[in-house]
C-alpha atoms as a PDB file:
ATOM      1  CA  MET A   1      83.174-176.242   2.594  1.00  0.00           C
ATOM      2  CA  ARG A   2      83.858-176.978  -1.061  1.00  0.00           C
ATOM      3  CA  PRO A   3      82.889-180.586  -1.907  1.00  0.00           C
ATOM      4  CA  THR A   4      85.831-182.735  -2.953  1.00  0.00           C
ATOM      5  CA  LEU A   5      85.970-186.006  -4.862  1.00  0.00           C
ATOM      6  CA  LEU A   6      88.759-188.564  -4.592  1.00  0.00           C
ATOM      7  CA  ALA A   7      89.962-190.569  -7.584  1.00  0.00           C
ATOM      8  CA  LEU A   8      91.206-193.937  -6.337  1.00  0.00           C
ATOM      9  CA  MET A   9      93.335-196.137  -8.565  1.00  0.00           C
ATOM     10  CA  ILE A  10      93.615-199.633  -7.114  1.00  0.00           C
ATOM     11  CA  LEU A  11      96.193-201.890  -8.734  1.00  0.00           C
ATOM     12  CA  THR A  12      97.796-205.228  -7.998  1.00  0.00           C
ATOM     13  CA  ALA A  13     101.385-206.198  -8.590  1.00  0.00           C
ATOM     14  CA  VAL A  14     100.622-206.628 -12.308  1.00  0.00           C
ATOM     15  CA  SER A  15     102.551-203.980 -14.256  1.00  0.00           C
ATOM     16  CA  PHE A  16     100.328-201.078 -15.264  1.00  0.00           C
ATOM     17  CA  SER A  17     101.756-201.160 -18.779  1.00  0.00           C
ATOM     18  CA  PHE A  18      99.724-204.318 -19.375  1.00  0.00           C
ATOM     19  CA  ALA A  19      96.471-202.897 -18.050  1.00  0.00           C
ATOM     20  CA  ALA A  20      93.568-202.757 -20.492  1.00  0.00           C
ATOM     21  CA  ASP A  21      92.059-199.455 -21.549  1.00  0.00           C
ATOM     22  CA  TRP A  22      88.676-198.351 -20.237  1.00  0.00           C
ATOM     23  CA  PRO A  23      88.064-195.747 -22.954  1.00  0.00           C
ATOM     24  CA  GLN A  24      84.447-194.706 -22.346  1.00  0.00           C
ATOM     25  CA  PHE A  25      81.300-195.198 -20.286  1.00  0.00           C
ATOM     26  CA  ARG A  26      80.698-198.944 -19.790  1.00  0.00           C
ATOM     27  CA  GLY A  27      84.196-199.781 -20.978  1.00  0.00           C
ATOM     28  CA  PRO A  28      85.794-201.105 -24.169  1.00  0.00           C
ATOM     29  CA  HIS A  29      82.726-203.107 -25.253  1.00  0.00           C
ATOM     30  CA  LEU A  30      80.052-200.670 -23.999  1.00  0.00           C
ATOM     31  CA  SER A  31      78.958-203.505 -21.728  1.00  0.00           C
ATOM     32  CA  GLY A  32      80.584-202.949 -18.328  1.00  0.00           C
ATOM     33  CA  THR A  33      83.079-205.755 -18.992  1.00  0.00           C
ATOM     34  CA  SER A  34      86.783-206.073 -19.749  1.00  0.00           C
ATOM     35  CA  GLU A  35      89.264-208.871 -20.489  1.00  0.00           C
ATOM     36  CA  GLU A  36      91.550-207.527 -17.740  1.00  0.00           C
ATOM     37  CA  ILE A  37      92.624-210.179 -15.209  1.00  0.00           C
ATOM     38  CA  GLY A  38      94.583-210.157 -11.971  1.00  0.00           C
ATOM     39  CA  LEU A  39      92.401-207.473 -10.401  1.00  0.00           C
ATOM     40  CA  PRO A  40      92.318-207.071  -6.601  1.00  0.00           C
ATOM     41  CA  ASP A  41      89.519-208.795  -4.714  1.00  0.00           C
ATOM     42  CA  ARG A  42      89.483-206.089  -2.043  1.00  0.00           C
ATOM     43  CA  LEU A  43      89.683-202.296  -1.976  1.00  0.00           C
ATOM     44  CA  ASP A  44      91.711-201.265   1.066  1.00  0.00           C
ATOM     45  CA  PRO A  45      95.151-199.774   1.913  1.00  0.00           C
ATOM     46  CA  SER A  46      96.877-202.996   0.915  1.00  0.00           C
ATOM     47  CA  THR A  47      95.826-202.537  -2.728  1.00  0.00           C
ATOM     48  CA  LEU A  48      95.886-198.731  -2.907  1.00  0.00           C
ATOM     49  CA  LEU A  49      98.551-197.475  -5.294  1.00  0.00           C
ATOM     50  CA  TRP A  50      97.704-193.753  -5.160  1.00  0.00           C
ATOM     51  CA  LYS A  51      94.929-191.262  -4.647  1.00  0.00           C
ATOM     52  CA  THR A  52      94.620-187.663  -5.761  1.00  0.00           C
ATOM     53  CA  PRO A  53      92.136-184.964  -4.756  1.00  0.00           C
ATOM     54  CA  LEU A  54      89.798-183.575  -7.403  1.00  0.00           C
ATOM     55  CA  PRO A  55      88.228-180.137  -7.205  1.00  0.00           C
ATOM     56  CA  GLY A  56      84.469-179.689  -7.409  1.00  0.00           C
ATOM     57  CA  THR A  57      81.852-182.336  -8.093  1.00  0.00           C
ATOM     58  CA  GLY A  58      80.891-184.676 -10.897  1.00  0.00           C
ATOM     59  CA  GLU A  59      78.878-187.798 -11.619  1.00  0.00           C
ATOM     60  CA  SER A  60      80.805-188.871 -14.711  1.00  0.00           C
ATOM     61  CA  THR A  61      83.117-191.891 -14.651  1.00  0.00           C
ATOM     62  CA  PRO A  62      86.865-191.681 -15.337  1.00  0.00           C
ATOM     63  CA  VAL A  63      88.124-193.204 -18.589  1.00  0.00           C
ATOM     64  CA  ILE A  64      91.597-194.594 -19.259  1.00  0.00           C
ATOM     65  CA  VAL A  65      93.623-194.834 -22.476  1.00  0.00           C
ATOM     66  CA  GLY A  66      97.259-195.858 -22.186  1.00  0.00           C
ATOM     67  CA  ASP A  67      98.896-193.876 -19.383  1.00  0.00           C
ATOM     68  CA  ARG A  68      96.161-191.200 -19.231  1.00  0.00           C
ATOM     69  CA  VAL A  69      93.099-190.933 -17.001  1.00  0.00           C
ATOM     70  CA  TYR A  70      90.511-188.381 -18.126  1.00  0.00           C
ATOM     71  CA  LEU A  71      87.837-186.865 -15.885  1.00  0.00           C
ATOM     72  CA  THR A  72      85.258-184.066 -15.839  1.00  0.00           C
ATOM     73  CA  GLY A  73      83.880-181.942 -13.021  1.00  0.00           C
ATOM     74  CA  SER A  74      82.294-178.658 -12.073  1.00  0.00           C
ATOM     75  CA  GLU A  75      83.282-175.989  -9.573  1.00  0.00           C
ATOM     76  CA  GLN A  76      80.490-173.826  -8.228  1.00  0.00           C
ATOM     77  CA  GLU A  77      83.038-171.687  -6.406  1.00  0.00           C
ATOM     78  CA  THR A  78      84.875-170.683  -9.603  1.00  0.00           C
ATOM     79  CA  GLN A  79      81.772-170.959 -11.815  1.00  0.00           C
ATOM     80  CA  ALA A  80      83.604-173.294 -14.207  1.00  0.00           C
ATOM     81  CA  LEU A  81      83.220-176.671 -15.847  1.00  0.00           C
ATOM     82  CA  PHE A  82      86.599-178.362 -16.082  1.00  0.00           C
ATOM     83  CA  VAL A  83      88.327-181.331 -17.684  1.00  0.00           C
ATOM     84  CA  MET A  84      91.388-183.091 -16.308  1.00  0.00           C
ATOM     85  CA  CYS A  85      94.069-185.562 -17.283  1.00  0.00           C
ATOM     86  CA  VAL A  86      96.162-187.375 -14.675  1.00  0.00           C
ATOM     87  CA  ASN A  87      98.909-189.955 -15.009  1.00  0.00           C
ATOM     88  CA  ALA A  88      97.583-193.483 -14.603  1.00  0.00           C
ATOM     89  CA  ALA A  89     100.744-194.732 -12.929  1.00  0.00           C
ATOM     90  CA  ASP A  90     101.047-192.200 -10.103  1.00  0.00           C
ATOM     91  CA  GLY A  91      98.011-189.882 -10.208  1.00  0.00           C
ATOM     92  CA  LYS A  92     100.039-186.743 -10.970  1.00  0.00           C
ATOM     93  CA  LEU A  93      98.213-184.020 -12.877  1.00  0.00           C
ATOM     94  CA  HIS A  94      99.085-183.682 -16.582  1.00  0.00           C
ATOM     95  CA  TRP A  95      96.663-180.830 -17.282  1.00  0.00           C
ATOM     96  CA  LYS A  96      93.414-179.218 -16.223  1.00  0.00           C
ATOM     97  CA  LYS A  97      91.296-176.906 -18.386  1.00  0.00           C
ATOM     98  CA  ASN A  98      88.243-174.779 -17.649  1.00  0.00           C
ATOM     99  CA  VAL A  99      86.059-175.234 -20.726  1.00  0.00           C
ATOM    100  CA  SER A 100      82.641-173.712 -20.017  1.00  0.00           C
ATOM    101  CA  ARG A 101      80.687-171.689 -17.491  1.00  0.00           C
ATOM    102  CA  TYR A 102      79.015-173.422 -14.594  1.00  0.00           C
ATOM    103  CA  VAL A 103      75.238-173.730 -14.817  1.00  0.00           C
ATOM    104  CA  GLU A 104      73.013-174.737 -11.936  1.00  0.00           C
ATOM    105  CA  PRO A 105      71.795-178.273 -12.729  1.00  0.00           C
ATOM    106  CA  PRO A 106      68.149-179.304 -12.240  1.00  0.00           C
ATOM    107  CA  ARG A 107      67.120-180.472  -8.782  1.00  0.00           C
ATOM    108  CA  GLY A 108      70.639-180.593  -7.408  1.00  0.00           C
ATOM    109  CA  THR A 109      71.997-183.114  -9.912  1.00  0.00           C
ATOM    110  CA  ALA A 110      75.486-182.667 -11.369  1.00  0.00           C
ATOM    111  CA  VAL A 111      76.264-180.781 -14.557  1.00  0.00           C
ATOM    112  CA  ALA A 112      79.278-183.059 -15.124  1.00  0.00           C
ATOM    113  CA  SER A 113      77.205-186.199 -15.668  1.00  0.00           C
ATOM    114  CA  PRO A 114      78.172-187.580 -19.118  1.00  0.00           C
ATOM    115  CA  SER A 115      81.404-189.574 -19.159  1.00  0.00           C
ATOM    116  CA  PRO A 116      84.267-188.853 -21.593  1.00  0.00           C
ATOM    117  CA  ALA A 117      85.125-191.020 -24.608  1.00  0.00           C
ATOM    118  CA  ALA A 118      88.779-191.400 -25.609  1.00  0.00           C
ATOM    119  CA  ASP A 119      91.209-193.094 -27.967  1.00  0.00           C
ATOM    120  CA  ALA A 120      94.872-192.578 -28.910  1.00  0.00           C
ATOM    121  CA  SER A 121      94.043-189.318 -30.740  1.00  0.00           C
ATOM    122  CA  GLY A 122      92.516-187.649 -27.706  1.00  0.00           C
ATOM    123  CA  VAL A 123      89.399-187.392 -25.616  1.00  0.00           C
ATOM    124  CA  VAL A 124      85.886-186.043 -26.137  1.00  0.00           C
ATOM    125  CA  PHE A 125      84.275-184.457 -23.082  1.00  0.00           C
ATOM    126  CA  SER A 126      80.556-183.805 -22.722  1.00  0.00           C
ATOM    127  CA  PHE A 127      78.581-181.848 -20.146  1.00  0.00           C
ATOM    128  CA  SER A 128      74.949-181.639 -19.096  1.00  0.00           C
ATOM    129  CA  ASN A 129      74.687-178.110 -20.511  1.00  0.00           C
ATOM    130  CA  GLY A 130      75.266-179.472 -24.032  1.00  0.00           C
ATOM    131  CA  PHE A 131      78.916-178.447 -24.354  1.00  0.00           C
ATOM    132  CA  LEU A 132      81.013-180.961 -26.306  1.00  0.00           C
ATOM    133  CA  VAL A 133      84.784-180.548 -26.704  1.00  0.00           C
ATOM    134  CA  LYS A 134      87.798-182.610 -27.792  1.00  0.00           C
ATOM    135  CA  PHE A 135      91.396-182.333 -26.558  1.00  0.00           C
ATOM    136  CA  ASP A 136      94.484-184.172 -27.705  1.00  0.00           C
ATOM    137  CA  PRO A 137      96.415-186.216 -25.081  1.00  0.00           C
ATOM    138  CA  ASP A 138      98.644-183.208 -24.288  1.00  0.00           C
ATOM    139  CA  GLY A 139      95.718-180.879 -23.534  1.00  0.00           C
ATOM    140  CA  LYS A 140      95.401-178.978 -26.826  1.00  0.00           C
ATOM    141  CA  GLN A 141      91.792-178.196 -27.730  1.00  0.00           C
ATOM    142  CA  LEU A 142      90.907-179.544 -31.182  1.00  0.00           C
ATOM    143  CA  TRP A 143      87.237-178.586 -31.595  1.00  0.00           C
ATOM    144  CA  SER A 144      84.010-177.893 -29.690  1.00  0.00           C
ATOM    145  CA  HIS A 145      80.231-177.723 -30.165  1.00  0.00           C
ATOM    146  CA  ASP A 146      77.431-176.169 -28.144  1.00  0.00           C
ATOM    147  CA  LEU A 147      74.450-178.460 -28.729  1.00  0.00           C
ATOM    148  CA  VAL A 148      72.032-175.978 -27.177  1.00  0.00           C
ATOM    149  CA  GLN A 149      73.053-173.237 -29.590  1.00  0.00           C
ATOM    150  CA  LEU A 150      72.892-175.655 -32.522  1.00  0.00           C
ATOM    151  CA  TYR A 151      69.748-177.655 -31.773  1.00  0.00           C
ATOM    152  CA  GLY A 152      67.883-176.048 -28.902  1.00  0.00           C
ATOM    153  CA  PRO A 153      67.541-176.566 -25.138  1.00  0.00           C
ATOM    154  CA  LEU A 154      68.233-179.891 -23.466  1.00  0.00           C
ATOM    155  CA  SER A 155      64.723-179.913 -22.096  1.00  0.00           C
ATOM    156  CA  LEU A 156      64.855-182.655 -19.457  1.00  0.00           C
ATOM    157  CA  LEU A 157      63.523-182.667 -15.902  1.00  0.00           C
ATOM    158  CA  TRP A 158      66.903-183.978 -14.690  1.00  0.00           C
ATOM    159  CA  SER A 159      70.406-183.314 -15.995  1.00  0.00           C
ATOM    160  CA  TYR A 160      71.237-184.523 -19.477  1.00  0.00           C
ATOM    161  CA  SER A 161      73.568-187.467 -18.855  1.00  0.00           C
ATOM    162  CA  SER A 162      73.876-189.615 -21.991  1.00  0.00           C
ATOM    163  CA  SER A 163      77.556-190.200 -22.723  1.00  0.00           C
ATOM    164  CA  PRO A 164      79.171-189.895 -26.167  1.00  0.00           C
ATOM    165  CA  VAL A 165      80.200-193.137 -27.851  1.00  0.00           C
ATOM    166  CA  LEU A 166      83.393-193.628 -29.870  1.00  0.00           C
ATOM    167  CA  TYR A 167      83.256-196.625 -32.178  1.00  0.00           C
ATOM    168  CA  ASP A 168      85.331-197.547 -35.228  1.00  0.00           C
ATOM    169  CA  GLY A 169      86.442-193.984 -35.926  1.00  0.00           C
ATOM    170  CA  ARG A 170      82.992-192.468 -35.401  1.00  0.00           C
ATOM    171  CA  LEU A 171      81.517-190.414 -32.568  1.00  0.00           C
ATOM    172  CA  TYR A 172      77.832-190.794 -31.700  1.00  0.00           C
ATOM    173  CA  VAL A 173      75.826-188.457 -29.476  1.00  0.00           C
ATOM    174  CA  VAL A 174      72.144-188.958 -28.617  1.00  0.00           C
ATOM    175  CA  VAL A 175      69.784-186.393 -27.076  1.00  0.00           C
ATOM    176  CA  MET A 176      66.387-187.607 -25.815  1.00  0.00           C
ATOM    177  CA  ARG A 177      64.349-184.699 -24.474  1.00  0.00           C
ATOM    178  CA  MET A 178      60.880-183.242 -24.096  1.00  0.00           C
ATOM    179  CA  THR A 179      59.532-181.297 -27.062  1.00  0.00           C
ATOM    180  CA  ASP A 180      58.227-178.421 -24.927  1.00  0.00           C
ATOM    181  CA  LEU A 181      60.505-175.402 -24.753  1.00  0.00           C
ATOM    182  CA  PRO A 182      61.639-174.281 -21.299  1.00  0.00           C
ATOM    183  CA  GLU A 183      60.100-171.029 -20.113  1.00  0.00           C
ATOM    184  CA  GLY A 184      61.915-168.028 -21.576  1.00  0.00           C
ATOM    185  CA  SER A 185      63.564-169.883 -24.448  1.00  0.00           C
ATOM    186  CA  ASP A 186      63.661-168.076 -27.810  1.00  0.00           C
ATOM    187  CA  PHE A 187      64.616-171.171 -29.838  1.00  0.00           C
ATOM    188  CA  PHE A 188      62.534-171.626 -33.015  1.00  0.00           C
ATOM    189  CA  GLY A 189      63.849-174.913 -34.445  1.00  0.00           C
ATOM    190  CA  SER A 190      62.697-178.505 -34.040  1.00  0.00           C
ATOM    191  CA  MET A 191      62.649-179.871 -30.496  1.00  0.00           C
ATOM    192  CA  GLU A 192      62.530-183.520 -31.526  1.00  0.00           C
ATOM    193  CA  SER A 193      65.105-185.819 -29.960  1.00  0.00           C
ATOM    194  CA  TYR A 194      68.052-186.651 -32.210  1.00  0.00           C
ATOM    195  CA  LEU A 195      71.154-188.701 -32.950  1.00  0.00           C
ATOM    196  CA  LEU A 196      74.373-187.051 -34.124  1.00  0.00           C
ATOM    197  CA  GLY A 197      77.221-188.660 -36.040  1.00  0.00           C
ATOM    198  CA  ILE A 198      80.443-186.659 -35.701  1.00  0.00           C
ATOM    199  CA  ASP A 199      83.904-187.055 -37.208  1.00  0.00           C
ATOM    200  CA  PRO A 200      86.062-187.192 -34.059  1.00  0.00           C
ATOM    201  CA  ALA A 201      89.121-185.956 -35.937  1.00  0.00           C
ATOM    202  CA  ASP A 202      87.783-182.515 -36.861  1.00  0.00           C
ATOM    203  CA  GLY A 203      84.396-182.297 -35.142  1.00  0.00           C
ATOM    204  CA  GLN A 204      82.464-182.121 -38.415  1.00  0.00           C
ATOM    205  CA  ILE A 205      78.848-183.199 -37.932  1.00  0.00           C
ATOM    206  CA  ARG A 206      78.267-185.911 -40.533  1.00  0.00           C
ATOM    207  CA  PHE A 207      74.591-186.445 -39.843  1.00  0.00           C
ATOM    208  CA  LYS A 208      71.722-185.440 -37.570  1.00  0.00           C
ATOM    209  CA  ILE A 209      68.801-187.875 -37.434  1.00  0.00           C
ATOM    210  CA  GLU A 210      65.635-186.995 -35.557  1.00  0.00           C
ATOM    211  CA  ARG A 211      64.213-189.670 -33.266  1.00  0.00           C
ATOM    212  CA  PRO A 212      60.522-188.849 -32.807  1.00  0.00           C
ATOM    213  CA  THR A 213      58.348-190.506 -30.182  1.00  0.00           C
ATOM    214  CA  ASP A 214      54.763-190.516 -28.939  1.00  0.00           C
ATOM    215  CA  ALA A 215      55.909-190.675 -25.311  1.00  0.00           C
ATOM    216  CA  VAL A 216      54.395-188.104 -22.966  1.00  0.00           C
ATOM    217  CA  TYR A 217      56.012-185.627 -20.562  1.00  0.00           C
ATOM    218  CA  GLU A 218      59.046-187.015 -18.681  1.00  0.00           C
ATOM    219  CA  SER A 219      58.821-190.343 -20.516  1.00  0.00           C
ATOM    220  CA  ASN A 220      60.433-188.460 -23.422  1.00  0.00           C
ATOM    221  CA  ASP A 221      63.614-188.101 -21.371  1.00  0.00           C
ATOM    222  CA  GLY A 222      66.368-190.628 -21.901  1.00  0.00           C
ATOM    223  CA  HIS A 223      69.534-190.774 -19.814  1.00  0.00           C
ATOM    224  CA  THR A 224      70.815-193.961 -21.446  1.00  0.00           C
ATOM    225  CA  THR A 225      73.911-194.246 -23.634  1.00  0.00           C
ATOM    226  CA  PRO A 226      73.740-195.958 -27.060  1.00  0.00           C
ATOM    227  CA  ILE A 227      75.388-199.337 -27.537  1.00  0.00           C
ATOM    228  CA  VAL A 228      76.804-201.034 -30.620  1.00  0.00           C
ATOM    229  CA  THR A 229      76.133-204.726 -31.192  1.00  0.00           C
ATOM    230  CA  ALA A 230      75.778-207.233 -34.024  1.00  0.00           C
ATOM    231  CA  VAL A 231      72.210-207.834 -35.209  1.00  0.00           C
ATOM    232  CA  ASP A 232      71.978-210.788 -37.600  1.00  0.00           C
ATOM    233  CA  GLY A 233      75.660-210.356 -38.391  1.00  0.00           C
ATOM    234  CA  GLN A 234      75.497-206.597 -39.011  1.00  0.00           C
ATOM    235  CA  GLU A 235      76.694-204.073 -36.447  1.00  0.00           C
ATOM    236  CA  GLN A 236      74.093-201.485 -35.467  1.00  0.00           C
ATOM    237  CA  LEU A 237      73.733-198.666 -32.979  1.00  0.00           C
ATOM    238  CA  ILE A 238      70.897-199.284 -30.516  1.00  0.00           C
ATOM    239  CA  ILE A 239      69.130-196.538 -28.561  1.00  0.00           C
ATOM    240  CA  TYR A 240      66.838-197.304 -25.633  1.00  0.00           C
ATOM    241  CA  GLY A 241      64.457-194.715 -24.208  1.00  0.00           C
ATOM    242  CA  ALA A 242      61.378-192.519 -24.737  1.00  0.00           C
ATOM    243  CA  ASP A 243      59.133-195.628 -24.805  1.00  0.00           C
ATOM    244  CA  HIS A 244      61.025-197.117 -27.786  1.00  0.00           C
ATOM    245  CA  ILE A 245      64.042-199.205 -28.768  1.00  0.00           C
ATOM    246  CA  THR A 246      65.542-198.211 -32.118  1.00  0.00           C
ATOM    247  CA  GLY A 247      68.276-199.670 -34.321  1.00  0.00           C
ATOM    248  CA  HIS A 248      70.407-197.375 -36.475  1.00  0.00           C
ATOM    249  CA  ASP A 249      72.820-197.713 -39.381  1.00  0.00           C
ATOM    250  CA  LEU A 250      76.345-196.902 -38.202  1.00  0.00           C
ATOM    251  CA  ASP A 251      77.316-194.966 -41.334  1.00  0.00           C
ATOM    252  CA  THR A 252      74.234-192.781 -41.769  1.00  0.00           C
ATOM    253  CA  GLY A 253      72.413-192.917 -38.433  1.00  0.00           C
ATOM    254  CA  LYS A 254      69.249-193.885 -40.311  1.00  0.00           C
ATOM    255  CA  GLU A 255      66.683-195.680 -38.179  1.00  0.00           C
ATOM    256  CA  VAL A 256      66.317-199.208 -39.563  1.00  0.00           C
ATOM    257  CA  TRP A 257      63.891-200.644 -37.009  1.00  0.00           C
ATOM    258  CA  ARG A 258      61.818-199.569 -34.023  1.00  0.00           C
ATOM    259  CA  HIS A 259      60.023-201.324 -31.159  1.00  0.00           C
ATOM    260  CA  HIS A 260      57.540-199.772 -28.737  1.00  0.00           C
ATOM    261  CA  PHE A 261      58.419-201.381 -25.390  1.00  0.00           C
ATOM    262  CA  ALA A 262      56.165-199.362 -23.045  1.00  0.00           C
ATOM    263  CA  LYS A 263      53.302-201.253 -21.444  1.00  0.00           C
ATOM    264  CA  GLU A 264      51.177-198.129 -21.444  1.00  0.00           C
ATOM    265  CA  LYS A 265      51.632-194.405 -21.841  1.00  0.00           C
ATOM    266  CA  LYS A 266      52.885-193.004 -18.546  1.00  0.00           C
ATOM    267  CA  ARG A 267      54.066-189.487 -17.834  1.00  0.00           C
ATOM    268  CA  MET A 268      57.104-190.249 -15.686  1.00  0.00           C
ATOM    269  CA  ASP A 269      58.766-193.337 -17.229  1.00  0.00           C
ATOM    270  CA  ARG A 270      62.138-191.831 -18.132  1.00  0.00           C
ATOM    271  CA  ALA A 271      64.808-194.383 -19.028  1.00  0.00           C
ATOM    272  CA  ILE A 272      68.081-194.301 -17.085  1.00  0.00           C
ATOM    273  CA  ALA A 273      69.839-197.697 -17.182  1.00  0.00           C
ATOM    274  CA  THR A 274      71.728-198.446 -20.396  1.00  0.00           C
ATOM    275  CA  PRO A 275      70.886-201.856 -21.916  1.00  0.00           C
ATOM    276  CA  VAL A 276      73.380-204.598 -22.716  1.00  0.00           C
ATOM    277  CA  ALA A 277      73.453-207.237 -25.457  1.00  0.00           C
ATOM    278  CA  GLY A 278      74.634-210.837 -25.299  1.00  0.00           C
ATOM    279  CA  GLY A 279      73.742-214.234 -26.683  1.00  0.00           C
ATOM    280  CA  GLY A 280      71.480-212.767 -29.361  1.00  0.00           C
ATOM    281  CA  LEU A 281      69.354-210.905 -26.816  1.00  0.00           C
ATOM    282  CA  LEU A 282      69.026-207.294 -25.722  1.00  0.00           C
ATOM    283  CA  TYR A 283      68.554-206.851 -21.965  1.00  0.00           C
ATOM    284  CA  CYS A 284      66.719-203.730 -20.810  1.00  0.00           C
ATOM    285  CA  MET A 285      65.771-202.235 -17.461  1.00  0.00           C
ATOM    286  CA  TYR A 286      62.157-201.040 -17.548  1.00  0.00           C
ATOM    287  CA  PRO A 287      61.855-197.517 -16.078  1.00  0.00           C
ATOM    288  CA  ARG A 288      61.193-197.027 -12.357  1.00  0.00           C
ATOM    289  CA  GLY A 289      62.518-200.484 -11.460  1.00  0.00           C
ATOM    290  CA  ASP A 290      59.413-202.150 -12.864  1.00  0.00           C
ATOM    291  CA  SER A 291      61.169-205.159 -14.382  1.00  0.00           C
ATOM    292  CA  VAL A 292      64.056-206.558 -16.398  1.00  0.00           C
ATOM    293  CA  PHE A 293      63.192-207.809 -19.869  1.00  0.00           C
ATOM    294  CA  ALA A 294      65.031-209.505 -22.719  1.00  0.00           C
ATOM    295  CA  CYS A 295      64.243-209.127 -26.419  1.00  0.00           C
ATOM    296  CA  SER A 296      65.460-211.168 -29.372  1.00  0.00           C
ATOM    297  CA  LEU A 297      67.682-208.937 -31.490  1.00  0.00           C
ATOM    298  CA  SER A 298      66.645-210.818 -34.628  1.00  0.00           C
ATOM    299  CA  LYS A 299      62.958-210.272 -33.877  1.00  0.00           C
ATOM    300  CA  LEU A 300      63.564-206.601 -33.120  1.00  0.00           C
ATOM    301  CA  ALA A 301      65.296-206.147 -36.468  1.00  0.00           C
ATOM    302  CA  ALA A 302      62.521-208.020 -38.274  1.00  0.00           C
ATOM    303  CA  GLY A 303      59.844-205.754 -36.827  1.00  0.00           C
ATOM    304  CA  ASP A 304      58.248-208.553 -34.799  1.00  0.00           C
ATOM    305  CA  GLN A 305      55.680-206.981 -32.469  1.00  0.00           C
ATOM    306  CA  ALA A 306      56.402-209.585 -29.772  1.00  0.00           C
ATOM    307  CA  PRO A 307      60.212-209.766 -29.487  1.00  0.00           C
ATOM    308  CA  ARG A 308      60.289-210.393 -25.723  1.00  0.00           C
ATOM    309  CA  VAL A 309      61.828-213.673 -24.645  1.00  0.00           C
ATOM    310  CA  TRP A 310      61.346-213.226 -20.912  1.00  0.00           C
ATOM    311  CA  THR A 311      60.502-210.709 -18.175  1.00  0.00           C
ATOM    312  CA  TYR A 312      61.755-210.719 -14.576  1.00  0.00           C
ATOM    313  CA  GLU A 313      59.877-208.613 -12.013  1.00  0.00           C
ATOM    314  CA  LYS A 314      61.142-209.608  -8.549  1.00  0.00           C
ATOM    315  CA  THR A 315      64.199-207.364  -8.171  1.00  0.00           C
ATOM    316  CA  ALA A 316      64.788-204.832 -10.919  1.00  0.00           C
ATOM    317  CA  PRO A 317      66.992-201.731 -11.081  1.00  0.00           C
ATOM    318  CA  ASP A 318      65.925-198.251 -12.017  1.00  0.00           C
ATOM    319  CA  VAL A 319      69.348-196.583 -12.396  1.00  0.00           C
ATOM    320  CA  PRO A 320      72.191-199.192 -12.459  1.00  0.00           C
ATOM    321  CA  SER A 321      73.014-200.696 -15.852  1.00  0.00           C
ATOM    322  CA  PRO A 322      73.270-204.494 -16.203  1.00  0.00           C
ATOM    323  CA  VAL A 323      76.277-206.653 -17.058  1.00  0.00           C
ATOM    324  CA  TRP A 324      76.198-209.764 -19.250  1.00  0.00           C
ATOM    325  CA  VAL A 325      79.024-212.317 -18.900  1.00  0.00           C
ATOM    326  CA  ASP A 326      79.183-215.843 -20.331  1.00  0.00           C
ATOM    327  CA  GLY A 327      75.440-216.376 -20.525  1.00  0.00           C
ATOM    328  CA  TYR A 328      74.565-214.738 -17.212  1.00  0.00           C
ATOM    329  CA  LEU A 329      72.953-211.339 -16.660  1.00  0.00           C
ATOM    330  CA  TYR A 330      73.856-209.428 -13.480  1.00  0.00           C
ATOM    331  CA  THR A 331      71.708-206.585 -12.156  1.00  0.00           C
ATOM    332  CA  ILE A 332      71.698-204.447  -9.008  1.00  0.00           C
ATOM    333  CA  ALA A 333      68.348-203.272  -7.675  1.00  0.00           C
ATOM    334  CA  GLU A 334      69.362-200.154  -5.749  1.00  0.00           C
ATOM    335  CA  LYS A 335      66.178-199.735  -3.719  1.00  0.00           C
ATOM    336  CA  LYS A 336      66.193-203.328  -2.479  1.00  0.00           C
ATOM    337  CA  LYS A 337      70.009-203.438  -2.340  1.00  0.00           C
ATOM    338  CA  THR A 338      69.976-206.736  -4.186  1.00  0.00           C
ATOM    339  CA  LEU A 339      72.413-208.284  -6.640  1.00  0.00           C
ATOM    340  CA  THR A 340      70.626-210.731  -8.974  1.00  0.00           C
END
């Protein structure tokens, strides 16, 4: 039987035309939060507006801009990676495009793991095989890149799953990977991890900044998505993973500060949960559900070797990303099934 996903849009009586956009992974503020109000307090037939079947499988999240919902998936049966756009009001299909060949993901994970990033000009889709493509709202392809062809294999033990970030007319893509080439690869370039800055209008790569690390083996792998936040009044891009937290200039991608957060060098401490900022602090999930810790953004930017404000070790997530709202941090520890 071919696996099938269901997209469920649950709305209240509030007119959809007033609904806020959810344009990328973690929402409009890259924080898991939105100003939207009047949401249902239950998910059942009484609040179900529509549902539509989706072919294949995927671990990416839908994104919404205006009246468009964008999704990605993969079909093993047709050997295709696809992108879709459905109407937000009724779930009817606007368009569906096959964009790349299916590749078997590592250890049974999904090849459609990164989430799209969209604005009024269109949507950027990313896949775990390194294929990056933009379509306009009507389904016309505008540009594409193959990151593997450009910069070498995405050498991770699990599927590459960092999502692209659209912010203030810029597109950011981060790749955190192991430096060892996979068996059989004939790539001869640098295998350092890197940050790309791309013009979303035409796909031109404005900069590529390497992000070296002394992490070992799988600890090189990062599945987190960058965030943008103000640090001492200046907006910066922050990347968490591969044993380090780094701050980057938005215009050039240049690394402006770095903090080594790892307690010790371990081989398997890959980072999965994306951090969140709030109240002058950066909140991070230590790999493997070890702990939750908060760092002062000002101390990070100043190069302080002890930026931690607190550490919480009782119930910590490994995979779920945290949410910060009005001075409170919310986390879900999946193994203990605990909301804190």
